[in-house]
Amino acid sequence: MAATRRGVHARLAALQKLEPAGSSSSPEPTASGYRGFESGRTLPLRVEFIRQLKRRRTQWTGGFLLALPIIMALAFQLGGSSGSSSGGPALVDLATAGAGNFALFTEFASVGFLLVVIVAMFCGDTIASEASWSSLRYLLSLPVPRARLLRQKLVVALTFSFGVNLLLPGWAYLVGGVFFGWSPARSPFGGSFSYTETLQRMLIVAGYAAIQALLVAALAFLLSVLTDAPLAAVGGATFLVVVSNILDSITALDPYRVVLPTHFQYSWLDALTPVISWDDMIRGTALAVIYAALFFTIAWTRFARKDITS
């Protein structure tokens, strides 16, 4: 079936209005065309979730995230005490102080690049991979409405993305407890937390990191509907995040740096002060939500009008 600007669904809907050739009677109720098809039940989340879970890249990513904290803990064990860091919160100096500090350091070391790549992979591989496999047109011809296809793909991708942002610090906490004990976390700004405060601060850190990941997810998803190459979508989103981080490090750009997507990426460090400072985290959350809403809107609009030729 030839691709059109309006897509195959509009054509299918129009065909049902035509009576069969040589027949003067109305069509039978059972031959109601596209409208009779239960499009709301196509591509269920369970099927898409299992499908993505069985992919090798998902399994390898999960295995790597489980192995990473163990590798880091062994590195600290073999290397002894860490050297002092130059400037900023000395999270690396406190990494072996207990489970909480080890989890916080793992988050600090991973959130800037590793988690960005993983989230970009899950969300940038959604539509572009179907196009590269030449299966996108067939999915839309089942028929799966375009809006539903995007929604189902995005829900599954975001589930994996947020799951990764929760899995890594949670698993690192367990690994840190086994290797370095279960002492409450110590703040790099001075003082220490109780067990309850440690868990509360870690939830704040993980939640804020997940919100920041929403921006990366939206950018990768937008690129996924613009290209047929999954690596281009994943690499493009990662590249733009890296560029934003580089520009954010140039203090001469003040006060314009505050509008960069990654300017508040590490604002979760304010959750480790004796008294939590919410200002930058609120600004970072608002900025991430605005960018994500913009990217998702563009992705939906572009895909609704796009010729599906692959």
Protein backbone atom coordinates (compact mmCIF):
# COMPACT_ATOMS: atom_id res chain seq x y z
CA MET A 1 0.00 0.00 0.00
CA ALA A 2 1.45 3.36 -0.99
CA ALA A 3 2.37 5.74 1.79
CA THR A 4 0.40 8.97 2.04
CA ARG A 5 0.58 12.11 4.09
CA ARG A 6 -2.56 11.16 5.93
CA GLY A 7 -1.50 7.58 6.46
CA VAL A 8 -3.25 4.33 5.66
CA HIS A 9 -5.91 4.68 8.35
CA ALA A 10 -7.64 7.62 6.68
CA ARG A 11 -7.79 5.62 3.45
CA LEU A 12 -9.18 2.57 5.21
CA ALA A 13 -11.82 4.70 6.90
CA ALA A 14 -12.82 6.17 3.53
CA LEU A 15 -13.06 2.75 1.86
CA GLN A 16 -15.79 1.59 4.20
CA LYS A 17 -18.09 4.27 2.81
CA LEU A 18 -17.94 2.72 -0.68
CA GLU A 19 -20.51 0.06 -1.54
CA PRO A 20 -19.34 -3.13 -3.29
CA ALA A 21 -19.45 -2.95 -7.09
CA GLY A 22 -22.70 -4.27 -8.61
CA SER A 23 -24.57 -4.20 -5.34
CA SER A 24 -27.38 -1.83 -4.50
CA SER A 25 -27.77 -2.92 -0.92
CA SER A 26 -25.97 -1.45 2.08
CA PRO A 27 -22.86 -3.19 3.41
CA GLU A 28 -23.37 -5.83 6.03
CA PRO A 29 -22.79 -4.70 9.64
CA THR A 30 -19.99 -7.24 9.95
CA ALA A 31 -18.05 -5.58 7.11
CA SER A 32 -17.58 -2.28 8.84
CA GLY A 33 -13.97 -1.82 7.76
CA TYR A 34 -11.45 -0.13 9.96
CA ARG A 35 -14.00 1.23 12.42
CA GLY A 36 -15.13 -2.28 13.16
CA PHE A 37 -11.62 -3.31 14.09
CA GLU A 38 -10.87 -2.96 17.76
CA SER A 39 -7.92 -0.64 17.24
CA GLY A 40 -7.84 0.19 20.92
CA ARG A 41 -6.66 -3.34 21.66
CA THR A 42 -3.82 -3.44 19.14
CA LEU A 43 -0.21 -3.55 20.30
CA PRO A 44 -0.95 -4.19 24.01
CA LEU A 45 1.58 -3.01 26.54
CA ARG A 46 2.19 -6.53 27.80
CA VAL A 47 3.23 -7.75 24.35
CA GLU A 48 5.48 -4.77 23.69
CA PHE A 49 7.02 -4.99 27.15
CA ILE A 50 7.86 -8.69 26.76
CA ARG A 51 9.14 -8.06 23.25
CA GLN A 52 11.55 -5.37 24.41
CA LEU A 53 12.54 -7.38 27.48
CA LYS A 54 13.62 -10.29 25.28
CA ARG A 55 15.91 -8.13 23.16
CA ARG A 56 19.61 -8.71 23.65
CA ARG A 57 20.41 -5.03 24.21
CA THR A 58 17.95 -4.94 27.13
CA GLN A 59 19.41 -8.07 28.68
CA TRP A 60 23.00 -6.92 28.21
CA THR A 61 22.15 -3.51 29.70
CA GLY A 62 20.56 -5.10 32.75
CA GLY A 63 23.53 -7.41 33.22
CA PHE A 64 25.98 -4.55 32.92
CA LEU A 65 24.12 -2.43 35.48
CA LEU A 66 24.16 -5.34 37.92
CA ALA A 67 27.87 -5.90 37.36
CA LEU A 68 28.96 -2.24 37.50
CA PRO A 69 28.57 -1.65 41.28
CA ILE A 70 30.38 -4.92 41.98
CA ILE A 71 33.25 -3.90 39.70
CA MET A 72 33.45 -0.48 41.38
CA ALA A 73 33.41 -2.04 44.87
CA LEU A 74 36.19 -4.44 43.91
CA ALA A 75 38.17 -1.52 42.50
CA PHE A 76 37.92 0.30 45.83
CA GLN A 77 38.91 -2.86 47.68
CA LEU A 78 41.97 -3.42 45.51
CA GLY A 79 42.97 0.21 45.28
CA GLY A 80 42.65 1.07 48.96
CA SER A 81 41.48 4.46 50.15
CA SER A 82 40.72 7.04 47.50
CA GLY A 83 42.73 10.19 47.04
CA SER A 84 41.28 13.58 47.80
CA SER A 85 39.25 15.15 45.02
CA SER A 86 39.89 18.63 43.72
CA GLY A 87 36.94 20.88 44.51
CA GLY A 88 33.25 20.06 44.80
CA PRO A 89 31.63 17.51 47.08
CA ALA A 90 34.11 14.75 47.92
CA LEU A 91 31.72 11.89 47.22
CA VAL A 92 34.59 9.70 46.05
CA ASP A 93 36.38 10.18 49.37
CA LEU A 94 33.29 8.93 51.22
CA ALA A 95 32.41 6.15 48.78
CA THR A 96 33.65 3.41 51.13
CA ALA A 97 32.05 4.89 54.25
CA GLY A 98 28.99 2.67 53.93
CA ALA A 99 26.18 1.50 51.70
CA GLY A 100 24.55 4.93 51.39
CA ASN A 101 27.71 6.74 50.37
CA PHE A 102 28.67 4.03 47.90
CA ALA A 103 25.23 4.30 46.25
CA LEU A 104 25.50 8.09 46.08
CA PHE A 105 28.94 7.91 44.49
CA THR A 106 27.73 5.34 41.96
CA GLU A 107 24.89 7.68 41.03
CA PHE A 108 27.28 10.62 40.77
CA ALA A 109 29.66 8.67 38.52
CA SER A 110 26.92 7.34 36.24
CA VAL A 111 24.33 10.08 35.85
CA GLY A 112 26.42 12.33 33.60
CA PHE A 113 27.03 9.89 30.75
CA LEU A 114 26.23 6.21 31.37
CA LEU A 115 22.58 6.69 32.31
CA VAL A 116 22.21 9.24 29.51
CA VAL A 117 23.34 6.67 26.95
CA ILE A 118 21.06 3.96 28.38
CA VAL A 119 17.98 6.20 28.45
CA ALA A 120 18.76 7.44 24.94
CA MET A 121 19.06 3.84 23.80
CA PHE A 122 15.70 2.77 25.22
CA CYS A 123 13.81 5.81 23.86
CA GLY A 124 15.78 6.47 20.68
CA ASP A 125 15.46 2.87 19.54
CA THR A 126 11.66 2.82 19.67
CA ILE A 127 10.37 3.97 16.29
CA ALA A 128 13.66 4.07 14.39
CA SER A 129 14.28 0.37 15.00
CA GLU A 130 10.89 -0.55 13.54
CA ALA A 131 11.70 1.57 10.49
CA SER A 132 15.12 -0.04 10.09
CA TRP A 133 13.54 -3.51 10.26
CA SER A 134 10.97 -2.46 7.60
CA SER A 135 8.19 -3.40 10.03
CA LEU A 136 6.82 0.07 10.76
CA ARG A 137 4.44 0.13 7.78
CA TYR A 138 3.12 -3.30 8.70
CA LEU A 139 2.44 -2.21 12.27
CA LEU A 140 0.46 0.77 10.99
CA SER A 141 -1.45 -1.46 8.56
CA LEU A 142 -2.68 -3.93 11.22
CA PRO A 143 -4.08 -1.28 11.76
CA VAL A 144 -2.41 0.32 14.79
CA PRO A 145 -3.27 4.04 14.98
CA ARG A 146 -0.20 6.23 14.88
CA ALA A 147 -0.96 7.93 18.18
CA ARG A 148 -1.44 4.56 19.88
CA LEU A 149 1.80 3.22 18.40
CA LEU A 150 3.74 6.17 19.80
CA ARG A 151 2.02 5.95 23.17
CA GLN A 152 2.60 2.23 23.64
CA LYS A 153 6.22 2.45 22.53
CA LEU A 154 6.88 5.46 24.75
CA VAL A 155 5.25 3.96 27.86
CA VAL A 156 7.43 0.85 27.59
CA ALA A 157 10.57 2.87 26.86
CA LEU A 158 9.97 5.21 29.81
CA THR A 159 9.28 2.24 32.08
CA PHE A 160 12.69 0.78 31.25
CA SER A 161 14.35 4.21 31.53
CA PHE A 162 12.92 5.00 34.96
CA GLY A 163 13.55 1.43 36.06
CA VAL A 164 17.23 1.83 35.23
CA ASN A 165 17.43 5.08 37.22
CA LEU A 166 15.98 3.28 40.23
CA LEU A 167 17.76 -0.02 39.77
CA LEU A 168 21.31 1.34 39.76
CA PRO A 169 21.28 3.23 43.10
CA GLY A 170 19.18 0.53 44.77
CA TRP A 171 21.47 -2.27 43.69
CA ALA A 172 24.55 -0.16 44.51
CA TYR A 173 23.19 0.31 48.03
CA LEU A 174 22.96 -3.46 48.51
CA VAL A 175 26.42 -4.04 47.04
CA GLY A 176 27.87 -1.24 49.16
CA GLY A 177 26.36 -2.75 52.27
CA VAL A 178 27.94 -6.12 51.56
CA PHE A 179 31.38 -4.65 50.85
CA PHE A 180 31.53 -1.63 53.16
CA GLY A 181 28.88 -2.11 55.84
CA TRP A 182 25.48 -0.58 56.48
CA SER A 183 26.51 2.63 58.24
CA PRO A 184 24.25 5.65 57.63
CA ALA A 185 25.38 8.00 54.88
CA ARG A 186 27.76 10.85 55.64
CA SER A 187 27.21 14.16 53.92
CA PRO A 188 30.06 15.56 51.78
CA PHE A 189 29.02 18.95 53.15
CA GLY A 190 29.54 17.83 56.75
CA GLY A 191 27.59 15.77 59.24
CA SER A 192 25.79 12.47 58.75
CA PHE A 193 22.27 11.15 58.33
CA SER A 194 20.22 8.63 60.20
CA TYR A 195 19.08 5.45 58.48
CA THR A 196 15.69 6.98 57.73
CA GLU A 197 17.24 10.19 56.43
CA THR A 198 19.65 8.18 54.27
CA LEU A 199 16.80 6.39 52.52
CA GLN A 200 14.83 9.61 52.15
CA ARG A 201 17.77 11.46 50.61
CA MET A 202 18.47 8.56 48.25
CA LEU A 203 14.84 8.54 47.08
CA ILE A 204 15.05 12.26 46.40
CA VAL A 205 18.27 11.79 44.44
CA ALA A 206 16.90 8.89 42.39
CA GLY A 207 13.60 10.67 41.75
CA TYR A 208 15.29 13.86 40.59
CA ALA A 209 17.67 11.91 38.34
CA ALA A 210 14.66 10.15 36.79
CA ILE A 211 13.01 13.50 36.08
CA GLN A 212 16.19 14.75 34.40
CA ALA A 213 16.25 11.52 32.38
CA LEU A 214 12.81 12.48 31.03
CA LEU A 215 14.46 15.28 29.07
CA VAL A 216 16.94 12.84 27.48
CA ALA A 217 14.11 10.41 26.77
CA ALA A 218 12.04 13.07 25.01
CA LEU A 219 14.99 14.23 22.90
CA ALA A 220 15.88 10.66 21.88
CA PHE A 221 12.22 9.89 21.12
CA LEU A 222 11.98 12.95 18.89
CA LEU A 223 15.06 11.90 16.95
CA SER A 224 13.65 8.38 16.71
CA VAL A 225 10.67 9.59 14.64
CA LEU A 226 12.93 11.70 12.43
CA THR A 227 15.34 8.98 11.33
CA ASP A 228 15.32 5.36 10.23
CA ALA A 229 18.67 4.66 11.92
CA PRO A 230 18.45 3.77 15.65
CA LEU A 231 22.13 4.56 16.22
CA ALA A 232 21.57 8.05 14.81
CA ALA A 233 18.78 8.71 17.30
CA VAL A 234 20.74 7.33 20.25
CA GLY A 235 23.99 8.99 19.24
CA GLY A 236 22.30 12.27 18.39
CA ALA A 237 20.61 12.55 21.78
CA THR A 238 23.84 11.66 23.59
CA PHE A 239 25.82 14.13 21.50
CA LEU A 240 23.42 17.00 22.23
CA VAL A 241 23.53 16.27 25.96
CA VAL A 242 27.35 16.26 25.89
CA VAL A 243 27.36 19.57 23.99
CA SER A 244 24.98 21.05 26.55
CA ASN A 245 27.29 19.94 29.37
CA ILE A 246 30.30 21.48 27.63
CA LEU A 247 28.52 24.78 27.11
CA ASP A 248 27.30 24.73 30.71
CA SER A 249 30.91 24.54 31.91
CA ILE A 250 31.68 27.89 30.24
CA THR A 251 30.96 30.40 32.99
CA ALA A 252 31.29 33.27 30.53
CA LEU A 253 27.86 32.31 29.20
CA ASP A 254 26.16 33.50 32.39
CA PRO A 255 23.28 34.22 32.79
CA TYR A 256 22.25 32.27 29.68
CA ARG A 257 23.47 28.92 30.99
CA VAL A 258 20.32 28.53 33.06
CA VAL A 259 18.30 27.68 29.94
CA LEU A 260 20.61 24.86 28.89
CA PRO A 261 18.86 21.48 29.26
CA THR A 262 21.56 20.03 31.53
CA HIS A 263 22.30 23.08 33.66
CA PHE A 264 20.52 21.62 36.72
CA GLN A 265 21.57 18.02 36.10
CA TYR A 266 23.52 17.73 39.35
CA SER A 267 21.20 19.83 41.50
CA TRP A 268 20.34 16.65 43.42
CA LEU A 269 23.55 17.32 45.37
CA ASP A 270 21.51 19.93 47.26
CA ALA A 271 19.62 16.99 48.78
CA LEU A 272 22.83 15.99 50.60
CA THR A 273 23.22 19.23 52.56
CA PRO A 274 22.23 19.18 56.26
CA VAL A 275 19.12 21.18 55.31
CA ILE A 276 17.78 20.34 51.86
CA SER A 277 17.81 23.23 49.40
CA TRP A 278 14.93 22.80 46.96
CA ASP A 279 15.35 25.91 44.78
CA ASP A 280 17.61 24.52 42.05
CA MET A 281 15.86 21.15 42.04
CA ILE A 282 12.52 22.89 41.46
CA ARG A 283 14.03 24.92 38.63
CA GLY A 284 15.64 21.82 37.16
CA THR A 285 12.36 19.91 37.33
CA ALA A 286 10.45 22.72 35.63
CA LEU A 287 13.08 23.04 32.89
CA ALA A 288 13.12 19.29 32.24
CA VAL A 289 9.32 19.10 32.05
CA ILE A 290 9.14 22.08 29.65
CA TYR A 291 11.77 20.66 27.32
CA ALA A 292 10.24 17.18 27.47
CA ALA A 293 6.75 18.51 26.68
CA LEU A 294 8.16 20.47 23.73
CA PHE A 295 10.08 17.51 22.31
CA PHE A 296 7.17 15.09 22.75
CA THR A 297 4.77 17.53 21.07
CA ILE A 298 7.07 17.94 18.08
CA ALA A 299 7.53 14.16 17.85
CA TRP A 300 3.77 13.50 17.88
CA THR A 301 3.06 16.24 15.33
CA ARG A 302 5.85 15.18 13.00
CA PHE A 303 4.97 11.49 13.09
CA ALA A 304 1.28 12.18 12.43
CA ARG A 305 2.16 13.92 9.14
CA LYS A 306 5.13 11.80 8.12
CA ASP A 307 5.24 9.55 5.07
CA ILE A 308 6.02 6.03 6.24
CA THR A 309 8.06 4.67 3.35
CA SER A 310 10.41 2.28 5.15
